[in-house]
All heavy atoms as atom14 arrays in JSON, in Angstrom:
{
  "sequence": "SIGNGTASRETEFFIKKIAFDKPIQVFVVSEAGASVY",
  "atom14_mask": [
    [1, 1, 1, 1, 1, 1, 0, 0, 0, 0, 0, 0, 0, 0],
    [1, 1, 1, 1, 1, 1, 1, 1, 0, 0, 0, 0, 0, 0],
    [1, 1, 1, 1, 0, 0, 0, 0, 0, 0, 0, 0, 0, 0],
    [1, 1, 1, 1, 1, 1, 1, 1, 0, 0, 0, 0, 0, 0],
    [1, 1, 1, 1, 0, 0, 0, 0, 0, 0, 0, 0, 0, 0],
    [1, 1, 1, 1, 1, 1, 1, 0, 0, 0, 0, 0, 0, 0],
    [1, 1, 1, 1, 1, 0, 0, 0, 0, 0, 0, 0, 0, 0],
    [1, 1, 1, 1, 1, 1, 0, 0, 0, 0, 0, 0, 0, 0],
    [1, 1, 1, 1, 1, 1, 1, 1, 1, 1, 1, 0, 0, 0],
    [1, 1, 1, 1, 1, 1, 1, 1, 1, 0, 0, 0, 0, 0],
    [1, 1, 1, 1, 1, 1, 1, 0, 0, 0, 0, 0, 0, 0],
    [1, 1, 1, 1, 1, 1, 1, 1, 1, 0, 0, 0, 0, 0],
    [1, 1, 1, 1, 1, 1, 1, 1, 1, 1, 1, 0, 0, 0],
    [1, 1, 1, 1, 1, 1, 1, 1, 1, 1, 1, 0, 0, 0],
    [1, 1, 1, 1, 1, 1, 1, 1, 0, 0, 0, 0, 0, 0],
    [1, 1, 1, 1, 1, 1, 1, 1, 1, 0, 0, 0, 0, 0],
    [1, 1, 1, 1, 1, 1, 1, 1, 1, 0, 0, 0, 0, 0],
    [1, 1, 1, 1, 1, 1, 1, 1, 0, 0, 0, 0, 0, 0],
    [1, 1, 1, 1, 1, 0, 0, 0, 0, 0, 0, 0, 0, 0],
    [1, 1, 1, 1, 1, 1, 1, 1, 1, 1, 1, 0, 0, 0],
    [1, 1, 1, 1, 1, 1, 1, 1, 0, 0, 0, 0, 0, 0],
    [1, 1, 1, 1, 1, 1, 1, 1, 1, 0, 0, 0, 0, 0],
    [1, 1, 1, 1, 1, 1, 1, 0, 0, 0, 0, 0, 0, 0],
    [1, 1, 1, 1, 1, 1, 1, 1, 0, 0, 0, 0, 0, 0],
    [1, 1, 1, 1, 1, 1, 1, 1, 1, 0, 0, 0, 0, 0],
    [1, 1, 1, 1, 1, 1, 1, 0, 0, 0, 0, 0, 0, 0],
    [1, 1, 1, 1, 1, 1, 1, 1, 1, 1, 1, 0, 0, 0],
    [1, 1, 1, 1, 1, 1, 1, 0, 0, 0, 0, 0, 0, 0],
    [1, 1, 1, 1, 1, 1, 1, 0, 0, 0, 0, 0, 0, 0],
    [1, 1, 1, 1, 1, 1, 0, 0, 0, 0, 0, 0, 0, 0],
    [1, 1, 1, 1, 1, 1, 1, 1, 1, 0, 0, 0, 0, 0],
    [1, 1, 1, 1, 1, 0, 0, 0, 0, 0, 0, 0, 0, 0],
    [1, 1, 1, 1, 0, 0, 0, 0, 0, 0, 0, 0, 0, 0],
    [1, 1, 1, 1, 1, 0, 0, 0, 0, 0, 0, 0, 0, 0],
    [1, 1, 1, 1, 1, 1, 0, 0, 0, 0, 0, 0, 0, 0],
    [1, 1, 1, 1, 1, 1, 1, 0, 0, 0, 0, 0, 0, 0],
    [1, 1, 1, 1, 1, 1, 1, 1, 1, 1, 1, 1, 0, 0]
  ],
  "atom14_positions": [
    [[17.54, 17.06, 112.69], [18.65, 17.54, 111.95], [19.16, 18.88, 112.49], [18.4, 19.87, 112.63], [18.28, 17.72, 110.45], [19.28, 18.34, 109.74], [0.0, 0.0, 0.0], [0.0, 0.0, 0.0], [0.0, 0.0, 0.0], [0.0, 0.0, 0.0], [0.0, 0.0, 0.0], [0.0, 0.0, 0.0], [0.0, 0.0, 0.0], [0.0, 0.0, 0.0]],
    [[20.42, 18.99, 112.89], [21.02, 20.19, 113.51], [22.07, 20.81, 112.56], [22.93, 20.05, 112.12], [21.6, 19.87, 114.82], [20.59, 19.26, 115.82], [22.2, 21.17, 115.51], [21.14, 18.65, 117.07], [0.0, 0.0, 0.0], [0.0, 0.0, 0.0], [0.0, 0.0, 0.0], [0.0, 0.0, 0.0], [0.0, 0.0, 0.0], [0.0, 0.0, 0.0]],
    [[21.97, 22.07, 112.28], [22.97, 22.73, 111.45], [24.31, 22.76, 112.18], [24.31, 22.87, 113.45], [0.0, 0.0, 0.0], [0.0, 0.0, 0.0], [0.0, 0.0, 0.0], [0.0, 0.0, 0.0], [0.0, 0.0, 0.0], [0.0, 0.0, 0.0], [0.0, 0.0, 0.0], [0.0, 0.0, 0.0], [0.0, 0.0, 0.0], [0.0, 0.0, 0.0]],
    [[25.42, 22.81, 111.44], [26.71, 22.69, 112.09], [27.39, 24.02, 112.35], [28.61, 24.14, 112.56], [27.66, 21.83, 111.3], [28.06, 22.41, 109.99], [27.4, 23.31, 109.49], [29.06, 21.92, 109.36], [0.0, 0.0, 0.0], [0.0, 0.0, 0.0], [0.0, 0.0, 0.0], [0.0, 0.0, 0.0], [0.0, 0.0, 0.0], [0.0, 0.0, 0.0]],
    [[26.57, 25.09, 112.4], [27.18, 26.42, 112.59], [27.25, 26.79, 114.07], [27.43, 25.92, 114.97], [0.0, 0.0, 0.0], [0.0, 0.0, 0.0], [0.0, 0.0, 0.0], [0.0, 0.0, 0.0], [0.0, 0.0, 0.0], [0.0, 0.0, 0.0], [0.0, 0.0, 0.0], [0.0, 0.0, 0.0], [0.0, 0.0, 0.0], [0.0, 0.0, 0.0]],
    [[27.15, 28.1, 114.38], [27.23, 28.58, 115.78], [26.28, 27.84, 116.69], [25.11, 27.58, 116.32], [26.91, 30.1, 115.82], [27.79, 30.8, 114.85], [27.09, 30.7, 117.17], [0.0, 0.0, 0.0], [0.0, 0.0, 0.0], [0.0, 0.0, 0.0], [0.0, 0.0, 0.0], [0.0, 0.0, 0.0], [0.0, 0.0, 0.0], [0.0, 0.0, 0.0]],
    [[26.77, 27.43, 117.84], [25.95, 26.74, 118.89], [25.55, 25.38, 118.5], [24.68, 24.73, 119.08], [24.75, 27.59, 119.22], [0.0, 0.0, 0.0], [0.0, 0.0, 0.0], [0.0, 0.0, 0.0], [0.0, 0.0, 0.0], [0.0, 0.0, 0.0], [0.0, 0.0, 0.0], [0.0, 0.0, 0.0], [0.0, 0.0, 0.0], [0.0, 0.0, 0.0]],
    [[26.17, 24.81, 117.54], [25.78, 23.46, 117.01], [26.02, 22.35, 118.05], [25.13, 21.64, 118.36], [26.59, 23.06, 115.71], [26.32, 21.76, 115.36], [0.0, 0.0, 0.0], [0.0, 0.0, 0.0], [0.0, 0.0, 0.0], [0.0, 0.0, 0.0], [0.0, 0.0, 0.0], [0.0, 0.0, 0.0], [0.0, 0.0, 0.0], [0.0, 0.0, 0.0]],
    [[27.28, 22.31, 118.61], [27.59, 21.29, 119.51], [26.72, 21.42, 120.86], [26.23, 20.45, 121.41], [29.06, 21.34, 119.92], [29.99, 20.93, 118.85], [29.71, 19.56, 118.27], [29.75, 18.42, 119.21], [30.81, 17.79, 119.59], [31.96, 18.2, 119.14], [30.74, 16.74, 120.43], [0.0, 0.0, 0.0], [0.0, 0.0, 0.0], [0.0, 0.0, 0.0]],
    [[26.48, 22.65, 121.25], [25.73, 22.86, 122.44], [24.31, 22.47, 122.24], [23.64, 21.86, 123.12], [25.74, 24.42, 122.78], [27.1, 24.91, 123.34], [28.05, 25.21, 122.19], [27.79, 25.02, 121.05], [29.16, 25.69, 122.52], [0.0, 0.0, 0.0], [0.0, 0.0, 0.0], [0.0, 0.0, 0.0], [0.0, 0.0, 0.0], [0.0, 0.0, 0.0]],
    [[23.81, 22.67, 121.07], [22.44, 22.27, 120.67], [22.34, 20.78, 120.62], [21.33, 20.18, 121.09], [21.96, 22.96, 119.4], [22.1, 24.31, 119.49], [20.55, 22.65, 119.04], [0.0, 0.0, 0.0], [0.0, 0.0, 0.0], [0.0, 0.0, 0.0], [0.0, 0.0, 0.0], [0.0, 0.0, 0.0], [0.0, 0.0, 0.0], [0.0, 0.0, 0.0]],
    [[23.37, 20.19, 120.05], [23.36, 18.63, 120.01], [23.36, 18.09, 121.35], [22.55, 17.11, 121.64], [24.59, 18.22, 119.23], [24.66, 16.7, 119.03], [25.96, 16.24, 118.46], [26.9, 17.04, 118.32], [26.18, 15.0, 118.26], [0.0, 0.0, 0.0], [0.0, 0.0, 0.0], [0.0, 0.0, 0.0], [0.0, 0.0, 0.0], [0.0, 0.0, 0.0]],
    [[24.18, 18.55, 122.24], [24.21, 18.1, 123.67], [22.85, 18.27, 124.38], [22.33, 17.36, 125.1], [25.28, 18.78, 124.44], [26.68, 18.46, 123.96], [27.7, 19.4, 124.0], [27.02, 17.21, 123.48], [28.95, 19.24, 123.57], [28.33, 16.88, 123.06], [29.25, 17.97, 123.05], [0.0, 0.0, 0.0], [0.0, 0.0, 0.0], [0.0, 0.0, 0.0]],
    [[22.24, 19.43, 124.07], [20.96, 19.76, 124.69], [19.9, 18.74, 124.23], [19.11, 18.17, 125.0], [20.52, 21.15, 124.31], [19.07, 21.48, 124.36], [18.42, 21.55, 125.6], [18.28, 21.57, 123.29], [17.04, 21.86, 125.68], [17.01, 21.85, 123.29], [16.32, 21.98, 124.43], [0.0, 0.0, 0.0], [0.0, 0.0, 0.0], [0.0, 0.0, 0.0]],
    [[19.83, 18.49, 122.89], [18.86, 17.59, 122.31], [19.02, 16.19, 122.88], [18.06, 15.45, 123.24], [18.93, 17.59, 120.77], [18.43, 18.91, 120.21], [18.12, 16.38, 120.18], [17.0, 19.17, 120.36], [0.0, 0.0, 0.0], [0.0, 0.0, 0.0], [0.0, 0.0, 0.0], [0.0, 0.0, 0.0], [0.0, 0.0, 0.0], [0.0, 0.0, 0.0]],
    [[20.23, 15.79, 123.07], [20.52, 14.42, 123.48], [20.21, 14.16, 125.02], [20.18, 13.06, 125.47], [21.98, 13.96, 123.19], [22.24, 13.75, 121.68], [23.58, 13.33, 121.4], [23.75, 12.95, 119.89], [25.17, 12.62, 119.57], [0.0, 0.0, 0.0], [0.0, 0.0, 0.0], [0.0, 0.0, 0.0], [0.0, 0.0, 0.0], [0.0, 0.0, 0.0]],
    [[19.96, 15.25, 125.67], [19.53, 15.19, 127.09], [18.05, 14.93, 127.25], [17.54, 14.52, 128.28], [19.88, 16.46, 127.89], [21.34, 16.7, 128.09], [21.54, 18.0, 128.79], [23.02, 18.35, 128.99], [23.21, 19.73, 129.52], [0.0, 0.0, 0.0], [0.0, 0.0, 0.0], [0.0, 0.0, 0.0], [0.0, 0.0, 0.0], [0.0, 0.0, 0.0]],
    [[17.33, 15.13, 126.1], [15.82, 15.01, 126.22], [15.42, 13.58, 126.22], [15.92, 12.76, 125.38], [15.13, 15.76, 125.03], [15.6, 17.27, 125.01], [13.66, 15.65, 125.07], [15.12, 18.03, 123.81], [0.0, 0.0, 0.0], [0.0, 0.0, 0.0], [0.0, 0.0, 0.0], [0.0, 0.0, 0.0], [0.0, 0.0, 0.0], [0.0, 0.0, 0.0]],
    [[14.53, 13.21, 127.03], [14.02, 11.82, 127.18], [12.75, 11.69, 126.29], [11.66, 12.08, 126.63], [13.66, 11.45, 128.62], [0.0, 0.0, 0.0], [0.0, 0.0, 0.0], [0.0, 0.0, 0.0], [0.0, 0.0, 0.0], [0.0, 0.0, 0.0], [0.0, 0.0, 0.0], [0.0, 0.0, 0.0], [0.0, 0.0, 0.0], [0.0, 0.0, 0.0]],
    [[13.01, 11.26, 125.04], [11.84, 11.08, 124.16], [11.16, 9.82, 124.38], [11.64, 8.92, 124.99], [12.43, 11.14, 122.63], [12.95, 12.43, 122.26], [14.35, 12.58, 122.01], [12.22, 13.58, 122.03], [14.9, 13.77, 121.64], [12.73, 14.8, 121.64], [14.05, 14.88, 121.44], [0.0, 0.0, 0.0], [0.0, 0.0, 0.0], [0.0, 0.0, 0.0]],
    [[9.86, 9.76, 123.94], [9.07, 8.59, 124.13], [9.36, 7.44, 123.15], [8.93, 6.3, 123.3], [7.57, 8.94, 123.91], [7.09, 9.91, 124.96], [7.72, 9.96, 126.03], [6.14, 10.6, 124.68], [0.0, 0.0, 0.0], [0.0, 0.0, 0.0], [0.0, 0.0, 0.0], [0.0, 0.0, 0.0], [0.0, 0.0, 0.0], [0.0, 0.0, 0.0]],
    [[10.23, 7.76, 122.17], [10.58, 6.74, 121.12], [12.07, 7.12, 120.79], [12.48, 8.19, 120.89], [9.68, 6.75, 120.03], [9.61, 8.09, 119.26], [8.61, 8.1, 118.16], [8.57, 9.45, 117.46], [7.55, 9.49, 116.38], [0.0, 0.0, 0.0], [0.0, 0.0, 0.0], [0.0, 0.0, 0.0], [0.0, 0.0, 0.0], [0.0, 0.0, 0.0]],
    [[12.71, 6.19, 120.1], [14.08, 6.44, 119.63], [14.13, 7.49, 118.55], [13.32, 7.36, 117.53], [14.59, 5.08, 119.08], [13.74, 4.04, 119.66], [12.37, 4.71, 119.9], [0.0, 0.0, 0.0], [0.0, 0.0, 0.0], [0.0, 0.0, 0.0], [0.0, 0.0, 0.0], [0.0, 0.0, 0.0], [0.0, 0.0, 0.0], [0.0, 0.0, 0.0]],
    [[14.91, 8.51, 118.7], [15.04, 9.56, 117.69], [16.45, 9.71, 117.25], [17.42, 9.91, 118.08], [14.54, 10.98, 118.25], [13.08, 10.87, 118.68], [14.81, 12.05, 117.27], [12.16, 10.76, 117.58], [0.0, 0.0, 0.0], [0.0, 0.0, 0.0], [0.0, 0.0, 0.0], [0.0, 0.0, 0.0], [0.0, 0.0, 0.0], [0.0, 0.0, 0.0]],
    [[16.71, 9.54, 115.91], [18.05, 9.73, 115.42], [18.39, 11.22, 115.36], [17.56, 12.05, 114.99], [18.12, 9.19, 114.01], [18.25, 7.63, 113.94], [18.35, 7.15, 112.53], [17.66, 7.49, 111.66], [19.4, 6.37, 112.37], [0.0, 0.0, 0.0], [0.0, 0.0, 0.0], [0.0, 0.0, 0.0], [0.0, 0.0, 0.0], [0.0, 0.0, 0.0]],
    [[19.68, 11.58, 115.7], [20.08, 12.96, 115.67], [21.32, 13.12, 114.7], [22.27, 12.42, 114.95], [20.49, 13.47, 117.11], [20.92, 14.92, 117.05], [19.27, 13.37, 118.07], [0.0, 0.0, 0.0], [0.0, 0.0, 0.0], [0.0, 0.0, 0.0], [0.0, 0.0, 0.0], [0.0, 0.0, 0.0], [0.0, 0.0, 0.0], [0.0, 0.0, 0.0]],
    [[21.16, 13.97, 113.74], [22.18, 14.19, 112.77], [22.7, 15.66, 112.83], [21.87, 16.56, 113.02], [21.73, 13.97, 111.33], [21.42, 12.59, 111.0], [20.19, 11.99, 111.33], [22.34, 11.8, 110.27], [19.94, 10.63, 111.04], [22.07, 10.43, 110.02], [20.89, 9.86, 110.33], [0.0, 0.0, 0.0], [0.0, 0.0, 0.0], [0.0, 0.0, 0.0]],
    [[23.98, 15.93, 112.7], [24.47, 17.26, 112.54], [24.84, 17.37, 111.01], [25.61, 16.53, 110.52], [25.76, 17.47, 113.4], [26.36, 18.83, 113.07], [25.43, 17.36, 114.91], [0.0, 0.0, 0.0], [0.0, 0.0, 0.0], [0.0, 0.0, 0.0], [0.0, 0.0, 0.0], [0.0, 0.0, 0.0], [0.0, 0.0, 0.0], [0.0, 0.0, 0.0]],
    [[24.32, 18.3, 110.35], [24.48, 18.46, 108.93], [25.14, 19.77, 108.56], [24.96, 20.84, 109.36], [23.15, 18.28, 108.16], [22.53, 16.99, 108.4], [22.24, 19.44, 108.44], [0.0, 0.0, 0.0], [0.0, 0.0, 0.0], [0.0, 0.0, 0.0], [0.0, 0.0, 0.0], [0.0, 0.0, 0.0], [0.0, 0.0, 0.0], [0.0, 0.0, 0.0]],
    [[25.86, 19.8, 107.46], [26.44, 21.07, 107.02], [25.4, 22.07, 106.63], [24.48, 21.74, 105.91], [27.38, 20.8, 105.85], [27.75, 22.0, 105.26], [0.0, 0.0, 0.0], [0.0, 0.0, 0.0], [0.0, 0.0, 0.0], [0.0, 0.0, 0.0], [0.0, 0.0, 0.0], [0.0, 0.0, 0.0], [0.0, 0.0, 0.0], [0.0, 0.0, 0.0]],
    [[25.55, 23.34, 107.11], [24.59, 24.34, 106.74], [25.16, 25.35, 105.76], [24.62, 26.42, 105.47], [23.99, 25.11, 108.02], [25.17, 25.72, 108.69], [24.6, 26.47, 110.06], [23.85, 25.86, 110.77], [24.92, 27.65, 110.28], [0.0, 0.0, 0.0], [0.0, 0.0, 0.0], [0.0, 0.0, 0.0], [0.0, 0.0, 0.0], [0.0, 0.0, 0.0]],
    [[26.3, 24.91, 105.15], [26.93, 25.84, 104.17], [25.98, 26.06, 103.02], [25.37, 25.14, 102.45], [28.21, 25.11, 103.56], [0.0, 0.0, 0.0], [0.0, 0.0, 0.0], [0.0, 0.0, 0.0], [0.0, 0.0, 0.0], [0.0, 0.0, 0.0], [0.0, 0.0, 0.0], [0.0, 0.0, 0.0], [0.0, 0.0, 0.0], [0.0, 0.0, 0.0]],
    [[25.74, 27.37, 102.75], [24.86, 27.74, 101.63], [23.37, 28.0, 102.04], [22.64, 28.49, 101.3], [0.0, 0.0, 0.0], [0.0, 0.0, 0.0], [0.0, 0.0, 0.0], [0.0, 0.0, 0.0], [0.0, 0.0, 0.0], [0.0, 0.0, 0.0], [0.0, 0.0, 0.0], [0.0, 0.0, 0.0], [0.0, 0.0, 0.0], [0.0, 0.0, 0.0]],
    [[23.03, 27.55, 103.28], [21.69, 27.68, 103.73], [21.22, 29.14, 103.78], [20.09, 29.49, 103.41], [21.53, 26.98, 105.11], [0.0, 0.0, 0.0], [0.0, 0.0, 0.0], [0.0, 0.0, 0.0], [0.0, 0.0, 0.0], [0.0, 0.0, 0.0], [0.0, 0.0, 0.0], [0.0, 0.0, 0.0], [0.0, 0.0, 0.0], [0.0, 0.0, 0.0]],
    [[22.09, 30.03, 104.29], [21.8, 31.42, 104.28], [21.6, 32.03, 102.94], [20.77, 32.9, 102.69], [22.82, 32.19, 105.09], [24.06, 32.13, 104.54], [0.0, 0.0, 0.0], [0.0, 0.0, 0.0], [0.0, 0.0, 0.0], [0.0, 0.0, 0.0], [0.0, 0.0, 0.0], [0.0, 0.0, 0.0], [0.0, 0.0, 0.0], [0.0, 0.0, 0.0]],
    [[22.44, 31.53, 102.02], [22.32, 31.98, 100.61], [20.96, 31.57, 100.07], [20.27, 32.35, 99.37], [23.44, 31.42, 99.71], [23.27, 31.79, 98.24], [24.79, 31.92, 100.19], [0.0, 0.0, 0.0], [0.0, 0.0, 0.0], [0.0, 0.0, 0.0], [0.0, 0.0, 0.0], [0.0, 0.0, 0.0], [0.0, 0.0, 0.0], [0.0, 0.0, 0.0]],
    [[20.63, 30.36, 100.21], [19.34, 29.81, 99.78], [18.18, 30.59, 100.42], [17.28, 31.01, 99.75], [19.1, 28.33, 100.09], [17.73, 27.85, 100.09], [17.07, 27.64, 98.91], [16.99, 27.69, 101.3], [15.71, 27.31, 98.91], [15.67, 27.34, 101.36], [15.02, 27.1, 100.12], [13.74, 26.72, 100.06], [0.0, 0.0, 0.0], [0.0, 0.0, 0.0]]
  ]
}
């Protein structure tokens, strides 16, 4: 799960380059309010 704030797309591209040993789902989620929490 990747937060959709600063550097989100870059991080998503980086994660999708990794060759995992098994299928891993990658989601981009809203991080609105995470800093408040």
